[in-house]
Amino acid sequence: MNRKVRAVQYGCGKMSVYLMRYMLEKDVELVAAFDANPTVIGKDIGDIIGGEKTGILVSDAKDADRMMAQLKPDVCVVATLSTIADIKNSFALCAKNGVNAISTCEESLYPWNSSPSITQELDELAKENGVTLAGSGYPDMFWGVLIDTLSGSMHKITKIKGSSSYNVEDYGIALAKGHGAGLSSQAFEQEIGKYNSLSSDEQKKLVESGEYVPSYMWNQNGWLCSKMGLTAISQVQKCVPTTHSEDIHSTTLNMTIKAGQPTGMSAVVTTETKEGITLETECIGKVYATGEFDRNDWTFFGEPETTINVNRPATVQLTCANLVNRIPALIAAEPGYISTDKMPNNAYLSRSLNEYIK
């Protein structure tokens, strides 16, 4: 592309601090930013990212439709909430205005196995308007591309076991509540744990109906199966609360979680495949105690057995960098809802982002 990529930011919270800075540093032209929070609307995006003023002020999200129609950006980066139902309207707005869109929304990475109806609707809308919709972030690389790449070094795989932990304090109140942080033990069991004993078919039906919100690994296992050419024959999820022996204060929830009460949850998704490979993946999202840190641990069982450990990954920054690096592939992809398992693996962009777009 012989000009700068024109982009808009939709959602100007914690993640946008890095998303917008990374785009600007890759010579992307940010032409607008939107948010629904009155305390953010009107701010210069330079103030949000901790840099010099840019002259681009955050606009009310209510004006996004009109402004995108006028500005005609190449891409919109959506960083708001965590489910495809949450971001459906913003994705639809982008598609109707002929704007490619990519989101940090965790479910958006592979919503085909959790919200097939919404995804199909967005896919058709994107095709009608000649644009691409997708999700990306930390899981895209560290739970997906990395695992797919390492599997290529194995002679035989019988099981892939992964576990990744993250501090819900880093991602906002919606994510913290979604992990059960701050609930009583009884409320956790009533709201989240009650589905643990259901069969694969029962859980699948509830997930696809929207009654049961799956953990991130539900979508990740779908992504891995698609990328690795595996056929899932059953998939179940079990969620249990994480606790701590002492009181922990959560700044995100603005409360003190008492000792023994849920600080978050561990969600384990087990997928059996036709090819005989089991995927057992765990995500642990909780309010961290002093001394705890992010981890990403994966073991391949088979020949040879292989383990990789990534300690203290900068999860927020890696989410944002990975997404920004996906923009050239997003723009180059065919129209539709094209999850990143259908795109080339990310590569480091050493030049201006537009130089990677033909």
Protein backbone atom coordinates (compact mmCIF):
# COMPACT_ATOMS: atom_id res chain seq x y z
CA MET A 1 0.00 0.00 0.00
CA ASN A 2 1.55 3.30 -1.09
CA ARG A 3 -0.10 5.31 1.69
CA LYS A 4 -0.53 4.98 5.42
CA VAL A 5 -3.16 2.59 6.73
CA ARG A 6 -6.10 4.59 8.06
CA ALA A 7 -7.47 3.20 11.33
CA VAL A 8 -10.01 3.94 14.03
CA GLN A 9 -9.97 2.75 17.63
CA TYR A 10 -13.28 1.54 19.11
CA GLY A 11 -12.96 1.34 22.89
CA CYS A 12 -10.42 3.52 24.67
CA GLY A 13 -9.79 1.65 27.91
CA LYS A 14 -6.70 -0.13 29.24
CA MET A 15 -5.90 -2.08 26.08
CA SER A 16 -6.14 0.97 23.82
CA VAL A 17 -3.16 2.56 25.57
CA TYR A 18 -0.93 0.05 23.78
CA LEU A 19 -3.07 -0.59 20.70
CA MET A 20 -3.08 3.05 19.67
CA ARG A 21 0.59 3.62 20.51
CA TYR A 22 1.67 0.52 18.62
CA MET A 23 -0.34 1.53 15.57
CA LEU A 24 1.11 5.04 15.59
CA GLU A 25 4.63 3.66 15.95
CA LYS A 26 3.99 1.43 12.90
CA ASP A 27 3.06 4.59 10.92
CA VAL A 28 -0.67 3.88 10.98
CA GLU A 29 -2.80 7.02 10.62
CA LEU A 30 -5.35 7.07 13.44
CA VAL A 31 -8.27 9.12 12.17
CA ALA A 32 -10.75 8.61 15.02
CA ALA A 33 -11.38 6.94 18.37
CA PHE A 34 -14.66 6.06 20.06
CA ASP A 35 -15.87 5.23 23.54
CA ALA A 36 -19.12 5.24 25.51
CA ASN A 37 -17.54 6.41 28.79
CA PRO A 38 -18.28 10.12 29.44
CA THR A 39 -15.00 10.49 31.34
CA VAL A 40 -13.04 9.44 28.26
CA ILE A 41 -15.03 11.21 25.53
CA GLY A 42 -13.29 14.42 24.48
CA LYS A 43 -9.80 13.35 25.56
CA ASP A 44 -6.93 13.64 23.11
CA ILE A 45 -5.65 10.14 22.33
CA GLY A 46 -2.14 11.41 23.05
CA ASP A 47 -3.18 11.91 26.66
CA ILE A 48 -4.53 8.34 26.80
CA ILE A 49 -1.33 6.75 25.52
CA GLY A 50 0.95 9.04 27.51
CA GLY A 51 2.40 10.88 24.54
CA GLU A 52 2.13 14.22 22.77
CA LYS A 53 -1.25 15.56 21.80
CA THR A 54 -2.43 14.38 18.39
CA GLY A 55 -5.50 16.51 17.75
CA ILE A 56 -7.62 13.36 17.58
CA LEU A 57 -10.23 13.50 20.33
CA VAL A 58 -12.22 10.51 21.55
CA SER A 59 -15.74 10.73 20.12
CA ASP A 60 -18.96 9.33 21.53
CA ALA A 61 -19.55 5.79 20.29
CA LYS A 62 -22.99 6.96 19.19
CA ASP A 63 -21.24 8.91 16.42
CA ALA A 64 -19.19 5.97 15.14
CA ASP A 65 -21.58 5.03 12.34
CA ARG A 66 -21.71 8.54 10.90
CA MET A 67 -18.00 9.21 11.29
CA MET A 68 -16.84 5.91 9.79
CA ALA A 69 -19.06 6.51 6.77
CA GLN A 70 -17.36 9.88 6.32
CA LEU A 71 -13.77 8.90 7.17
CA LYS A 72 -13.72 5.54 5.34
CA PRO A 73 -10.88 3.97 7.35
CA ASP A 74 -9.18 0.75 6.28
CA VAL A 75 -9.52 -0.93 9.65
CA CYS A 76 -11.22 -0.60 13.01
CA VAL A 77 -9.67 -2.07 16.16
CA VAL A 78 -12.38 -3.07 18.64
CA ALA A 79 -11.29 -3.32 22.29
CA THR A 80 -14.39 -3.36 24.44
CA LEU A 81 -15.86 -6.56 25.91
CA SER A 82 -15.18 -10.29 25.89
CA THR A 83 -18.00 -12.08 24.02
CA ILE A 84 -19.04 -12.03 20.38
CA ALA A 85 -22.55 -11.03 21.46
CA ASP A 86 -21.02 -7.99 23.20
CA ILE A 87 -19.19 -6.80 20.09
CA LYS A 88 -21.74 -7.90 17.49
CA ASN A 89 -23.12 -4.40 16.96
CA SER A 90 -19.70 -2.76 16.61
CA PHE A 91 -18.57 -5.45 14.15
CA ALA A 92 -21.82 -5.07 12.19
CA LEU A 93 -21.40 -1.29 12.13
CA CYS A 94 -17.89 -1.69 10.71
CA ALA A 95 -19.03 -4.19 8.08
CA LYS A 96 -21.94 -2.02 6.91
CA ASN A 97 -19.53 0.87 6.42
CA GLY A 98 -17.04 -1.22 4.46
CA VAL A 99 -14.43 -1.24 7.23
CA ASN A 100 -12.31 -4.28 8.11
CA ALA A 101 -12.41 -4.95 11.86
CA ILE A 102 -10.32 -6.92 14.34
CA SER A 103 -10.96 -7.29 18.06
CA THR A 104 -9.26 -8.20 21.31
CA CYS A 105 -12.54 -9.86 22.37
CA GLU A 106 -11.46 -13.30 23.53
CA GLU A 107 -14.37 -15.19 21.96
CA SER A 108 -13.83 -13.42 18.63
CA LEU A 109 -10.68 -15.49 18.05
CA TYR A 110 -12.78 -18.56 17.14
CA PRO A 111 -16.51 -18.00 17.77
CA TRP A 112 -17.58 -20.70 15.32
CA ASN A 113 -17.82 -23.32 18.08
CA SER A 114 -19.52 -21.12 20.68
CA SER A 115 -21.74 -18.59 18.88
CA PRO A 116 -22.26 -20.08 15.40
CA SER A 117 -25.46 -18.15 14.61
CA ILE A 118 -23.99 -14.72 15.40
CA THR A 119 -20.74 -15.60 13.62
CA GLN A 120 -22.59 -16.78 10.52
CA GLU A 121 -24.64 -13.58 10.50
CA LEU A 122 -21.50 -11.45 10.73
CA ASP A 123 -19.78 -13.60 8.11
CA GLU A 124 -22.60 -12.98 5.62
CA LEU A 125 -22.66 -9.26 6.37
CA ALA A 126 -18.90 -8.98 5.91
CA LYS A 127 -19.07 -10.82 2.58
CA GLU A 128 -21.88 -8.56 1.37
CA ASN A 129 -19.72 -5.51 2.05
CA GLY A 130 -16.35 -6.93 0.96
CA VAL A 131 -14.59 -6.72 4.33
CA THR A 132 -12.96 -9.07 6.81
CA LEU A 133 -13.77 -9.53 10.49
CA ALA A 134 -11.50 -11.37 12.94
CA GLY A 135 -10.21 -11.58 16.49
CA SER A 136 -6.63 -11.69 17.74
CA GLY A 137 -4.46 -11.12 20.78
CA TYR A 138 -2.28 -13.04 23.21
CA PRO A 139 -4.16 -16.37 22.81
CA ASP A 140 -3.75 -16.17 19.04
CA MET A 141 0.01 -16.56 19.41
CA PHE A 142 0.74 -18.14 22.80
CA TRP A 143 -2.15 -20.63 22.86
CA GLY A 144 -2.41 -21.06 19.11
CA VAL A 145 0.36 -20.34 16.61
CA LEU A 146 3.09 -21.31 19.09
CA ILE A 147 1.41 -24.66 19.82
CA ASP A 148 0.74 -25.39 16.16
CA THR A 149 4.37 -24.61 15.28
CA LEU A 150 5.81 -26.77 18.06
CA SER A 151 3.57 -29.69 17.08
CA GLY A 152 5.43 -29.73 13.78
CA SER A 153 8.54 -30.93 15.64
CA MET A 154 6.79 -33.97 17.10
CA HIS A 155 6.85 -37.50 15.67
CA LYS A 156 3.70 -38.55 17.53
CA ILE A 157 1.20 -36.67 19.69
CA THR A 158 -1.29 -38.34 22.00
CA LYS A 159 -2.15 -35.35 24.17
CA ILE A 160 -1.50 -31.63 24.38
CA LYS A 161 -1.89 -30.13 27.84
CA GLY A 162 -1.77 -26.39 28.32
CA SER A 163 -2.22 -24.02 31.23
CA SER A 164 -2.15 -20.24 31.17
CA SER A 165 -2.74 -17.78 34.01
CA TYR A 166 -3.46 -14.06 33.96
CA ASN A 167 -4.36 -11.35 36.44
CA VAL A 168 -7.98 -10.26 35.94
CA GLU A 169 -6.99 -6.87 37.41
CA ASP A 170 -5.30 -6.07 34.09
CA TYR A 171 -8.41 -6.41 31.93
CA GLY A 172 -11.27 -4.56 33.57
CA ILE A 173 -14.38 -5.25 35.59
CA ALA A 174 -16.34 -7.23 32.99
CA LEU A 175 -13.63 -9.86 32.69
CA ALA A 176 -13.10 -10.05 36.46
CA LYS A 177 -16.80 -10.64 37.09
CA GLY A 178 -16.94 -13.16 34.26
CA HIS A 179 -14.33 -15.21 36.10
CA GLY A 180 -16.35 -15.20 39.31
CA ALA A 181 -13.93 -12.94 41.17
CA GLY A 182 -15.65 -11.44 44.19
CA LEU A 183 -18.52 -13.92 44.29
CA SER A 184 -19.27 -15.95 47.38
CA SER A 185 -18.48 -19.66 47.17
CA GLN A 186 -22.19 -20.41 47.05
CA ALA A 187 -22.84 -17.87 44.30
CA PHE A 188 -19.94 -19.26 42.25
CA GLU A 189 -21.42 -22.74 42.41
CA GLN A 190 -24.89 -21.48 41.51
CA GLU A 191 -23.79 -19.24 38.64
CA ILE A 192 -20.74 -20.99 37.17
CA GLY A 193 -20.01 -24.38 38.69
CA LYS A 194 -23.49 -25.82 38.15
CA TYR A 195 -22.65 -26.82 34.58
CA ASN A 196 -19.63 -28.98 35.45
CA SER A 197 -21.49 -32.29 35.54
CA LEU A 198 -23.20 -31.87 32.15
CA SER A 199 -22.27 -34.03 29.16
CA SER A 200 -20.47 -32.78 26.05
CA ASP A 201 -23.71 -32.55 24.07
CA GLU A 202 -25.51 -30.78 26.90
CA GLN A 203 -22.75 -28.21 27.36
CA LYS A 204 -22.49 -27.65 23.61
CA LYS A 205 -26.21 -26.97 23.35
CA LEU A 206 -26.14 -24.49 26.23
CA VAL A 207 -23.03 -22.74 24.92
CA GLU A 208 -24.47 -22.30 21.43
CA SER A 209 -27.76 -21.03 22.86
CA GLY A 210 -25.90 -18.39 24.85
CA GLU A 211 -27.06 -19.72 28.21
CA TYR A 212 -23.61 -20.95 29.23
CA VAL A 213 -20.64 -18.67 28.58
CA PRO A 214 -17.59 -20.80 27.75
CA SER A 215 -14.07 -20.11 28.93
CA TYR A 216 -11.47 -18.86 26.49
CA MET A 217 -10.06 -22.36 26.04
CA TRP A 218 -13.36 -23.55 24.58
CA ASN A 219 -12.72 -21.35 21.56
CA GLN A 220 -8.99 -22.00 21.66
CA ASN A 221 -9.46 -25.75 21.34
CA GLY A 222 -11.69 -25.11 18.34
CA TRP A 223 -8.97 -22.90 16.85
CA LEU A 224 -6.31 -25.57 17.45
CA CYS A 225 -8.46 -28.33 15.93
CA SER A 226 -9.06 -26.21 12.83
CA LYS A 227 -5.41 -25.18 12.48
CA MET A 228 -4.03 -28.68 13.08
CA GLY A 229 -6.60 -30.52 10.97
CA LEU A 230 -8.19 -32.32 13.93
CA THR A 231 -11.84 -33.35 14.22
CA ALA A 232 -13.43 -32.78 17.62
CA ILE A 233 -15.83 -35.53 18.70
CA SER A 234 -16.50 -34.28 22.24
CA GLN A 235 -15.68 -31.24 24.33
CA VAL A 236 -16.41 -30.51 27.99
CA GLN A 237 -15.56 -27.69 30.35
CA LYS A 238 -15.12 -27.69 34.12
CA CYS A 239 -14.84 -24.48 36.13
CA VAL A 240 -13.67 -24.35 39.74
CA PRO A 241 -12.98 -21.29 41.90
CA THR A 242 -9.49 -20.17 42.84
CA THR A 243 -9.02 -18.97 46.41
CA HIS A 244 -6.32 -17.50 48.64
CA SER A 245 -5.53 -18.05 52.30
CA GLU A 246 -5.56 -14.32 53.06
CA ASP A 247 -7.76 -11.36 52.14
CA ILE A 248 -6.95 -9.78 48.76
CA HIS A 249 -8.01 -6.31 47.66
CA SER A 250 -9.17 -5.89 44.07
CA THR A 251 -8.84 -2.38 42.67
CA THR A 252 -10.85 -3.41 39.60
CA LEU A 253 -13.79 -4.67 41.65
CA ASN A 254 -13.22 -2.03 44.34
CA MET A 255 -13.60 -4.61 47.07
CA THR A 256 -11.67 -6.88 49.40
CA ILE A 257 -12.08 -10.57 48.65
CA LYS A 258 -12.13 -12.45 51.90
CA ALA A 259 -9.82 -15.43 52.53
CA GLY A 260 -11.26 -18.62 51.09
CA GLN A 261 -13.68 -16.84 48.74
CA PRO A 262 -13.34 -16.95 44.92
CA THR A 263 -10.56 -14.75 43.58
CA GLY A 264 -11.35 -16.00 40.07
CA MET A 265 -11.51 -19.39 38.44
CA SER A 266 -9.68 -22.22 36.73
CA ALA A 267 -11.48 -23.46 33.61
CA VAL A 268 -10.32 -26.74 32.05
CA VAL A 269 -11.57 -27.69 28.60
CA THR A 270 -11.02 -31.27 27.43
CA THR A 271 -11.47 -32.05 23.74
CA GLU A 272 -11.31 -35.57 22.32
CA THR A 273 -10.59 -35.85 18.61
CA LYS A 274 -11.21 -38.43 15.90
CA GLU A 275 -7.46 -38.54 15.31
CA GLY A 276 -6.81 -39.78 18.87
CA ILE A 277 -5.25 -36.57 20.19
CA THR A 278 -6.64 -35.13 23.43
CA LEU A 279 -6.50 -31.39 24.07
CA GLU A 280 -6.63 -30.52 27.77
CA THR A 281 -6.31 -26.80 28.19
CA GLU A 282 -6.68 -24.62 31.26
CA CYS A 283 -6.99 -20.90 31.71
CA ILE A 284 -6.65 -19.45 35.20
CA GLY A 285 -7.96 -15.93 35.60
CA LYS A 286 -7.88 -14.48 39.10
CA VAL A 287 -6.95 -11.53 41.27
CA TYR A 288 -3.29 -12.14 41.99
CA ALA A 289 -1.81 -12.33 45.45
CA THR A 290 1.59 -10.84 46.15
CA GLY A 291 4.29 -12.77 44.30
CA GLU A 292 2.00 -14.35 41.69
CA PHE A 293 2.65 -13.73 38.00
CA ASP A 294 1.45 -14.72 34.54
CA ARG A 295 2.47 -18.15 33.25
CA ASN A 296 2.01 -20.09 30.02
CA ASP A 297 2.92 -23.80 30.23
CA TRP A 298 2.36 -26.45 27.56
CA THR A 299 3.34 -30.12 27.35
CA PHE A 300 3.15 -32.37 24.30
CA PHE A 301 2.76 -36.03 25.21
CA GLY A 302 3.97 -38.57 22.66
CA GLU A 303 7.35 -38.89 21.00
CA PRO A 304 9.35 -37.04 22.07
CA GLU A 305 7.61 -35.51 25.10
CA THR A 306 8.15 -31.77 24.98
CA THR A 307 7.41 -28.97 27.45
CA ILE A 308 7.60 -25.23 27.04
CA ASN A 309 7.26 -22.68 29.86
CA VAL A 310 6.83 -18.95 29.37
CA ASN A 311 7.06 -17.13 32.70
CA ARG A 312 5.97 -13.55 33.24
CA PRO A 313 4.74 -12.88 29.69
CA ALA A 314 3.64 -9.26 29.24
CA THR A 315 0.15 -10.48 28.42
CA VAL A 316 -1.49 -7.10 27.80
CA GLN A 317 1.30 -5.77 25.60
CA LEU A 318 1.62 -9.07 23.72
CA THR A 319 -2.13 -9.04 23.08
CA CYS A 320 -1.91 -5.60 21.53
CA ALA A 321 1.27 -6.18 19.53
CA ASN A 322 0.00 -9.46 18.12
CA LEU A 323 -3.27 -7.83 17.05
CA VAL A 324 -1.56 -4.87 15.36
CA ASN A 325 0.78 -7.25 13.54
CA ARG A 326 -2.31 -9.10 12.25
CA ILE A 327 -3.67 -6.03 10.42
CA PRO A 328 -1.90 -6.66 7.08
CA ALA A 329 -3.23 -10.23 6.96
CA LEU A 330 -6.68 -8.99 7.95
CA ILE A 331 -6.78 -6.53 5.07
CA ALA A 332 -5.41 -9.12 2.64
CA ALA A 333 -7.85 -11.86 3.65
CA GLU A 334 -10.95 -12.73 1.67
CA PRO A 335 -14.22 -11.14 2.81
CA GLY A 336 -16.11 -12.77 5.66
CA TYR A 337 -15.53 -13.72 9.26
CA ILE A 338 -12.04 -15.17 8.80
CA SER A 339 -10.58 -16.46 12.05
CA THR A 340 -6.79 -16.31 12.28
CA ASP A 341 -6.33 -20.08 11.92
CA LYS A 342 -7.07 -19.36 8.25
CA MET A 343 -4.38 -16.64 8.03
CA PRO A 344 -0.59 -16.96 7.70
CA ASN A 345 1.26 -17.06 11.01
CA ASN A 346 2.27 -13.65 12.31
CA ALA A 347 5.71 -12.29 11.55
CA TYR A 348 7.61 -9.36 13.02
CA LEU A 349 6.93 -6.10 11.17
CA SER A 350 10.21 -4.20 10.99
CA ARG A 351 8.92 -1.54 8.59
CA SER A 352 5.84 0.65 8.34
CA LEU A 353 2.71 -1.44 8.45
CA ASN A 354 1.47 -0.32 5.04
CA GLU A 355 4.59 -1.77 3.39
CA TYR A 356 3.27 -5.26 4.16
CA ILE A 357 0.02 -4.71 2.27
CA LYS A 358 -0.03 -5.25 -1.46
